[in-house]
Amino acid sequence: MADQDSVEKRGVDVVGLVFGVAALVAAAYMLSDGASWPDFLDLRWALAGGAMVIGLGLLAGSARRRR
């Protein structure tokens, strides 16, 4: 039986997927707010961009095949 490799098929990481989608929704809300900010680089924009990067990373990590 040691000659055969057992391959486990794993599903999507639900917790990572939920937090990834939540981070993307929060970033989309921050970026699409109706108020325009006069400063070129605002801390809120940096936080929204960081939330998007984290959300995309979590989504990519949950969708990636594990070995």
PDB file of N, CA and C in Angstrom:
ATOM      1  N   MET A   1       0.806  -1.189   0.000  1.00  0.00           N
ATOM      2  CA  MET A   1       0.000   0.000   0.000  1.00  0.00           C
ATOM      3  C   MET A   1       0.854   1.258   0.000  1.00  0.00           C
ATOM      4  N   ALA A   2       2.124   1.141   0.332  1.00  0.00           N
ATOM      5  CA  ALA A   2       2.993   2.307   0.343  1.00  0.00           C
ATOM      6  C   ALA A   2       3.345   2.754  -1.066  1.00  0.00           C
ATOM      7  N   ASP A   3       3.098   1.890  -2.053  1.00  0.00           N
ATOM      8  CA  ASP A   3       3.411   2.248  -3.429  1.00  0.00           C
ATOM      9  C   ASP A   3       2.414   3.237  -4.011  1.00  0.00           C
ATOM     10  N   GLN A   4       1.220   3.256  -3.474  1.00  0.00           N
ATOM     11  CA  GLN A   4       0.188   4.125  -4.020  1.00  0.00           C
ATOM     12  C   GLN A   4       0.181   5.452  -3.265  1.00  0.00           C
ATOM     13  N   ASP A   5       0.112   6.510  -4.029  1.00  0.00           N
ATOM     14  CA  ASP A   5       0.020   7.841  -3.423  1.00  0.00           C
ATOM     15  C   ASP A   5      -1.446   8.173  -3.199  1.00  0.00           C
ATOM     16  N   SER A   6      -1.773   8.536  -1.994  1.00  0.00           N
ATOM     17  CA  SER A   6      -3.149   8.952  -1.727  1.00  0.00           C
ATOM     18  C   SER A   6      -3.254  10.455  -1.962  1.00  0.00           C
ATOM     19  N   VAL A   7      -4.189  10.815  -2.790  1.00  0.00           N
ATOM     20  CA  VAL A   7      -4.389  12.216  -3.132  1.00  0.00           C
ATOM     21  C   VAL A   7      -5.694  12.664  -2.493  1.00  0.00           C
ATOM     22  N   GLU A   8      -5.583  13.645  -1.620  1.00  0.00           N
ATOM     23  CA  GLU A   8      -6.772  14.193  -0.989  1.00  0.00           C
ATOM     24  C   GLU A   8      -7.210  15.432  -1.747  1.00  0.00           C
ATOM     25  N   LYS A   9      -8.469  15.471  -2.075  1.00  0.00           N
ATOM     26  CA  LYS A   9      -9.011  16.646  -2.745  1.00  0.00           C
ATOM     27  C   LYS A   9      -9.629  17.547  -1.681  1.00  0.00           C
ATOM     28  N   ARG A  10      -9.071  18.726  -1.532  1.00  0.00           N
ATOM     29  CA  ARG A  10      -9.552  19.662  -0.525  1.00  0.00           C
ATOM     30  C   ARG A  10     -10.370  20.749  -1.184  1.00  0.00           C
ATOM     31  N   GLY A  11     -11.343  21.210  -0.459  1.00  0.00           N
ATOM     32  CA  GLY A  11     -12.207  22.271  -0.965  1.00  0.00           C
ATOM     33  C   GLY A  11     -11.630  23.644  -0.695  1.00  0.00           C
ATOM     34  N   VAL A  12     -12.462  24.616  -0.858  1.00  0.00           N
ATOM     35  CA  VAL A  12     -12.082  26.009  -0.668  1.00  0.00           C
ATOM     36  C   VAL A  12     -12.065  26.321   0.832  1.00  0.00           C
ATOM     37  N   ASP A  13     -11.111  27.116   1.264  1.00  0.00           N
ATOM     38  CA  ASP A  13     -11.041  27.569   2.648  1.00  0.00           C
ATOM     39  C   ASP A  13     -12.130  28.618   2.861  1.00  0.00           C
ATOM     40  N   VAL A  14     -13.192  28.216   3.538  1.00  0.00           N
ATOM     41  CA  VAL A  14     -14.363  29.071   3.675  1.00  0.00           C
ATOM     42  C   VAL A  14     -14.063  30.305   4.518  1.00  0.00           C
ATOM     43  N   VAL A  15     -13.309  30.146   5.584  1.00  0.00           N
ATOM     44  CA  VAL A  15     -12.992  31.287   6.453  1.00  0.00           C
ATOM     45  C   VAL A  15     -12.181  32.325   5.686  1.00  0.00           C
ATOM     46  N   GLY A  16     -11.172  31.884   4.956  1.00  0.00           N
ATOM     47  CA  GLY A  16     -10.377  32.808   4.154  1.00  0.00           C
ATOM     48  C   GLY A  16     -11.197  33.471   3.068  1.00  0.00           C
ATOM     49  N   LEU A  17     -12.101  32.713   2.476  1.00  0.00           N
ATOM     50  CA  LEU A  17     -12.959  33.261   1.431  1.00  0.00           C
ATOM     51  C   LEU A  17     -13.889  34.338   1.987  1.00  0.00           C
ATOM     52  N   VAL A  18     -14.482  34.079   3.142  1.00  0.00           N
ATOM     53  CA  VAL A  18     -15.398  35.055   3.747  1.00  0.00           C
ATOM     54  C   VAL A  18     -14.655  36.330   4.132  1.00  0.00           C
ATOM     55  N   PHE A  19     -13.489  36.181   4.775  1.00  0.00           N
ATOM     56  CA  PHE A  19     -12.732  37.370   5.164  1.00  0.00           C
ATOM     57  C   PHE A  19     -12.184  38.103   3.942  1.00  0.00           C
ATOM     58  N   GLY A  20     -11.828  37.384   2.900  1.00  0.00           N
ATOM     59  CA  GLY A  20     -11.361  38.023   1.673  1.00  0.00           C
ATOM     60  C   GLY A  20     -12.448  38.845   1.010  1.00  0.00           C
ATOM     61  N   VAL A  21     -13.644  38.273   0.931  1.00  0.00           N
ATOM     62  CA  VAL A  21     -14.765  39.007   0.343  1.00  0.00           C
ATOM     63  C   VAL A  21     -15.127  40.206   1.215  1.00  0.00           C
ATOM     64  N   ALA A  22     -15.093  40.028   2.533  1.00  0.00           N
ATOM     65  CA  ALA A  22     -15.396  41.148   3.434  1.00  0.00           C
ATOM     66  C   ALA A  22     -14.382  42.275   3.278  1.00  0.00           C
ATOM     67  N   ALA A  23     -13.115  41.934   3.127  1.00  0.00           N
ATOM     68  CA  ALA A  23     -12.090  42.960   2.938  1.00  0.00           C
ATOM     69  C   ALA A  23     -12.274  43.678   1.607  1.00  0.00           C
ATOM     70  N   LEU A  24     -12.640  42.948   0.561  1.00  0.00           N
ATOM     71  CA  LEU A  24     -12.877  43.583  -0.733  1.00  0.00           C
ATOM     72  C   LEU A  24     -14.101  44.495  -0.695  1.00  0.00           C
ATOM     73  N   VAL A  25     -15.135  44.075   0.009  1.00  0.00           N
ATOM     74  CA  VAL A  25     -16.326  44.921   0.126  1.00  0.00           C
ATOM     75  C   VAL A  25     -16.002  46.189   0.910  1.00  0.00           C
ATOM     76  N   ALA A  26     -15.243  46.050   1.984  1.00  0.00           N
ATOM     77  CA  ALA A  26     -14.852  47.225   2.770  1.00  0.00           C
ATOM     78  C   ALA A  26     -13.994  48.170   1.938  1.00  0.00           C
ATOM     79  N   ALA A  27     -13.089  47.629   1.143  1.00  0.00           N
ATOM     80  CA  ALA A  27     -12.246  48.470   0.295  1.00  0.00           C
ATOM     81  C   ALA A  27     -13.066  49.147  -0.793  1.00  0.00           C
ATOM     82  N   ALA A  28     -13.997  48.423  -1.380  1.00  0.00           N
ATOM     83  CA  ALA A  28     -14.849  49.022  -2.410  1.00  0.00           C
ATOM     84  C   ALA A  28     -15.709  50.138  -1.824  1.00  0.00           C
ATOM     85  N   TYR A  29     -16.185  49.950  -0.608  1.00  0.00           N
ATOM     86  CA  TYR A  29     -16.970  51.001   0.050  1.00  0.00           C
ATOM     87  C   TYR A  29     -16.119  52.241   0.297  1.00  0.00           C
ATOM     88  N   MET A  30     -14.907  52.017   0.768  1.00  0.00           N
ATOM     89  CA  MET A  30     -14.017  53.153   1.038  1.00  0.00           C
ATOM     90  C   MET A  30     -13.660  53.891  -0.250  1.00  0.00           C
ATOM     91  N   LEU A  31     -13.392  53.147  -1.316  1.00  0.00           N
ATOM     92  CA  LEU A  31     -12.962  53.775  -2.559  1.00  0.00           C
ATOM     93  C   LEU A  31     -14.110  54.439  -3.310  1.00  0.00           C
ATOM     94  N   SER A  32     -15.324  53.959  -3.145  1.00  0.00           N
ATOM     95  CA  SER A  32     -16.445  54.505  -3.905  1.00  0.00           C
ATOM     96  C   SER A  32     -17.302  55.463  -3.093  1.00  0.00           C
ATOM     97  N   ASP A  33     -16.809  55.931  -1.974  1.00  0.00           N
ATOM     98  CA  ASP A  33     -17.557  56.882  -1.161  1.00  0.00           C
ATOM     99  C   ASP A  33     -17.762  58.167  -1.953  1.00  0.00           C
ATOM    100  N   GLY A  34     -18.920  58.779  -1.788  1.00  0.00           N
ATOM    101  CA  GLY A  34     -19.255  59.958  -2.574  1.00  0.00           C
ATOM    102  C   GLY A  34     -18.442  61.195  -2.233  1.00  0.00           C
ATOM    103  N   ALA A  35     -17.906  61.243  -1.038  1.00  0.00           N
ATOM    104  CA  ALA A  35     -17.147  62.431  -0.634  1.00  0.00           C
ATOM    105  C   ALA A  35     -15.783  62.440  -1.313  1.00  0.00           C
ATOM    106  N   SER A  36     -15.424  63.599  -1.855  1.00  0.00           N
ATOM    107  CA  SER A  36     -14.097  63.706  -2.468  1.00  0.00           C
ATOM    108  C   SER A  36     -13.159  64.382  -1.477  1.00  0.00           C
ATOM    109  N   TRP A  37     -11.986  63.833  -1.359  1.00  0.00           N
ATOM    110  CA  TRP A  37     -11.005  64.356  -0.413  1.00  0.00           C
ATOM    111  C   TRP A  37     -10.013  65.242  -1.147  1.00  0.00           C
ATOM    112  N   PRO A  38      -9.697  66.413  -0.599  1.00  0.00           N
ATOM    113  CA  PRO A  38      -8.819  67.346  -1.308  1.00  0.00           C
ATOM    114  C   PRO A  38      -7.356  66.908  -1.353  1.00  0.00           C
ATOM    115  N   ASP A  39      -6.902  66.144  -0.383  1.00  0.00           N
ATOM    116  CA  ASP A  39      -5.496  65.740  -0.369  1.00  0.00           C
ATOM    117  C   ASP A  39      -5.227  64.683  -1.435  1.00  0.00           C
ATOM    118  N   PHE A  40      -4.031  64.761  -2.010  1.00  0.00           N
ATOM    119  CA  PHE A  40      -3.659  63.779  -3.028  1.00  0.00           C
ATOM    120  C   PHE A  40      -3.534  62.385  -2.432  1.00  0.00           C
ATOM    121  N   LEU A  41      -2.838  62.274  -1.328  1.00  0.00           N
ATOM    122  CA  LEU A  41      -2.677  60.978  -0.676  1.00  0.00           C
ATOM    123  C   LEU A  41      -3.237  61.078   0.731  1.00  0.00           C
ATOM    124  N   ASP A  42      -4.324  60.413   0.943  1.00  0.00           N
ATOM    125  CA  ASP A  42      -4.987  60.439   2.239  1.00  0.00           C
ATOM    126  C   ASP A  42      -4.801  59.084   2.917  1.00  0.00           C
ATOM    127  N   LEU A  43      -4.791  59.085   4.219  1.00  0.00           N
ATOM    128  CA  LEU A  43      -4.628  57.839   4.964  1.00  0.00           C
ATOM    129  C   LEU A  43      -5.761  56.866   4.665  1.00  0.00           C
ATOM    130  N   ARG A  44      -6.942  57.387   4.416  1.00  0.00           N
ATOM    131  CA  ARG A  44      -8.079  56.516   4.102  1.00  0.00           C
ATOM    132  C   ARG A  44      -7.865  55.779   2.791  1.00  0.00           C
ATOM    133  N   TRP A  45      -7.235  56.437   1.812  1.00  0.00           N
ATOM    134  CA  TRP A  45      -6.947  55.767   0.544  1.00  0.00           C
ATOM    135  C   TRP A  45      -5.912  54.669   0.742  1.00  0.00           C
ATOM    136  N   ALA A  46      -4.923  54.940   1.572  1.00  0.00           N
ATOM    137  CA  ALA A  46      -3.908  53.920   1.846  1.00  0.00           C
ATOM    138  C   ALA A  46      -4.525  52.724   2.563  1.00  0.00           C
ATOM    139  N   LEU A  47      -5.427  52.987   3.507  1.00  0.00           N
ATOM    140  CA  LEU A  47      -6.107  51.889   4.191  1.00  0.00           C
ATOM    141  C   LEU A  47      -6.996  51.101   3.235  1.00  0.00           C
ATOM    142  N   ALA A  48      -7.683  51.800   2.345  1.00  0.00           N
ATOM    143  CA  ALA A  48      -8.533  51.110   1.377  1.00  0.00           C
ATOM    144  C   ALA A  48      -7.698  50.268   0.415  1.00  0.00           C
ATOM    145  N   GLY A  49      -6.579  50.811  -0.045  1.00  0.00           N
ATOM    146  CA  GLY A  49      -5.700  50.032  -0.916  1.00  0.00           C
ATOM    147  C   GLY A  49      -5.114  48.829  -0.204  1.00  0.00           C
ATOM    148  N   GLY A  50      -4.730  49.007   1.055  1.00  0.00           N
ATOM    149  CA  GLY A  50      -4.222  47.882   1.836  1.00  0.00           C
ATOM    150  C   GLY A  50      -5.278  46.815   2.051  1.00  0.00           C
ATOM    151  N   ALA A  51      -6.515  47.240   2.297  1.00  0.00           N
ATOM    152  CA  ALA A  51      -7.605  46.282   2.463  1.00  0.00           C
ATOM    153  C   ALA A  51      -7.854  45.508   1.174  1.00  0.00           C
ATOM    154  N   MET A  52      -7.725  46.183   0.027  1.00  0.00           N
ATOM    155  CA  MET A  52      -7.892  45.484  -1.249  1.00  0.00           C
ATOM    156  C   MET A  52      -6.796  44.457  -1.459  1.00  0.00           C
ATOM    157  N   VAL A  53      -5.565  44.823  -1.153  1.00  0.00           N
ATOM    158  CA  VAL A  53      -4.448  43.890  -1.319  1.00  0.00           C
ATOM    159  C   VAL A  53      -4.613  42.687  -0.400  1.00  0.00           C
ATOM    160  N   ILE A  54      -4.985  42.942   0.846  1.00  0.00           N
ATOM    161  CA  ILE A  54      -5.189  41.838   1.785  1.00  0.00           C
ATOM    162  C   ILE A  54      -6.353  40.963   1.335  1.00  0.00           C
ATOM    163  N   GLY A  55      -7.428  41.578   0.885  1.00  0.00           N
ATOM    164  CA  GLY A  55      -8.579  40.808   0.412  1.00  0.00           C
ATOM    165  C   GLY A  55      -8.254  39.949  -0.790  1.00  0.00           C
ATOM    166  N   LEU A  56      -7.536  40.514  -1.741  1.00  0.00           N
ATOM    167  CA  LEU A  56      -7.138  39.726  -2.909  1.00  0.00           C
ATOM    168  C   LEU A  56      -6.188  38.606  -2.524  1.00  0.00           C
ATOM    169  N   GLY A  57      -5.289  38.875  -1.584  1.00  0.00           N
ATOM    170  CA  GLY A  57      -4.386  37.822  -1.116  1.00  0.00           C
ATOM    171  C   GLY A  57      -5.121  36.694  -0.425  1.00  0.00           C
ATOM    172  N   LEU A  58      -6.107  37.040   0.391  1.00  0.00           N
ATOM    173  CA  LEU A  58      -6.904  36.009   1.051  1.00  0.00           C
ATOM    174  C   LEU A  58      -7.725  35.210   0.047  1.00  0.00           C
ATOM    175  N   LEU A  59      -8.288  35.889  -0.952  1.00  0.00           N
ATOM    176  CA  LEU A  59      -9.040  35.171  -1.977  1.00  0.00           C
ATOM    177  C   LEU A  59      -8.143  34.252  -2.793  1.00  0.00           C
ATOM    178  N   ALA A  60      -6.974  34.733  -3.151  1.00  0.00           N
ATOM    179  CA  ALA A  60      -6.042  33.898  -3.912  1.00  0.00           C
ATOM    180  C   ALA A  60      -5.573  32.715  -3.080  1.00  0.00           C
ATOM    181  N   GLY A  61      -5.343  32.939  -1.800  1.00  0.00           N
ATOM    182  CA  GLY A  61      -4.914  31.849  -0.930  1.00  0.00           C
ATOM    183  C   GLY A  61      -5.985  30.800  -0.732  1.00  0.00           C
ATOM    184  N   SER A  62      -7.254  31.209  -0.696  1.00  0.00           N
ATOM    185  CA  SER A  62      -8.324  30.242  -0.502  1.00  0.00           C
ATOM    186  C   SER A  62      -8.634  29.481  -1.784  1.00  0.00           C
ATOM    187  N   ALA A  63      -8.380  30.084  -2.933  1.00  0.00           N
ATOM    188  CA  ALA A  63      -8.678  29.423  -4.196  1.00  0.00           C
ATOM    189  C   ALA A  63      -7.518  28.566  -4.701  1.00  0.00           C
ATOM    190  N   ARG A  64      -6.344  28.788  -4.140  1.00  0.00           N
ATOM    191  CA  ARG A  64      -5.159  28.070  -4.606  1.00  0.00           C
ATOM    192  C   ARG A  64      -5.217  26.607  -4.174  1.00  0.00           C
ATOM    193  N   ARG A  65      -4.762  25.726  -5.028  1.00  0.00           N
ATOM    194  CA  ARG A  65      -4.729  24.297  -4.711  1.00  0.00           C
ATOM    195  C   ARG A  65      -3.613  24.035  -3.713  1.00  0.00           C
ATOM    196  N   ARG A  66      -3.949  23.297  -2.678  1.00  0.00           N
ATOM    197  CA  ARG A  66      -2.950  22.961  -1.656  1.00  0.00           C
ATOM    198  C   ARG A  66      -2.291  21.642  -2.004  1.00  0.00           C
ATOM    199  N   ARG A  67      -1.006  21.552  -1.674  1.00  0.00           N
ATOM    200  CA  ARG A  67      -0.269  20.321  -1.976  1.00  0.00           C
ATOM    201  C   ARG A  67       0.087  19.584  -0.732  1.00  0.00           C
TER     202      ARG A  67
END
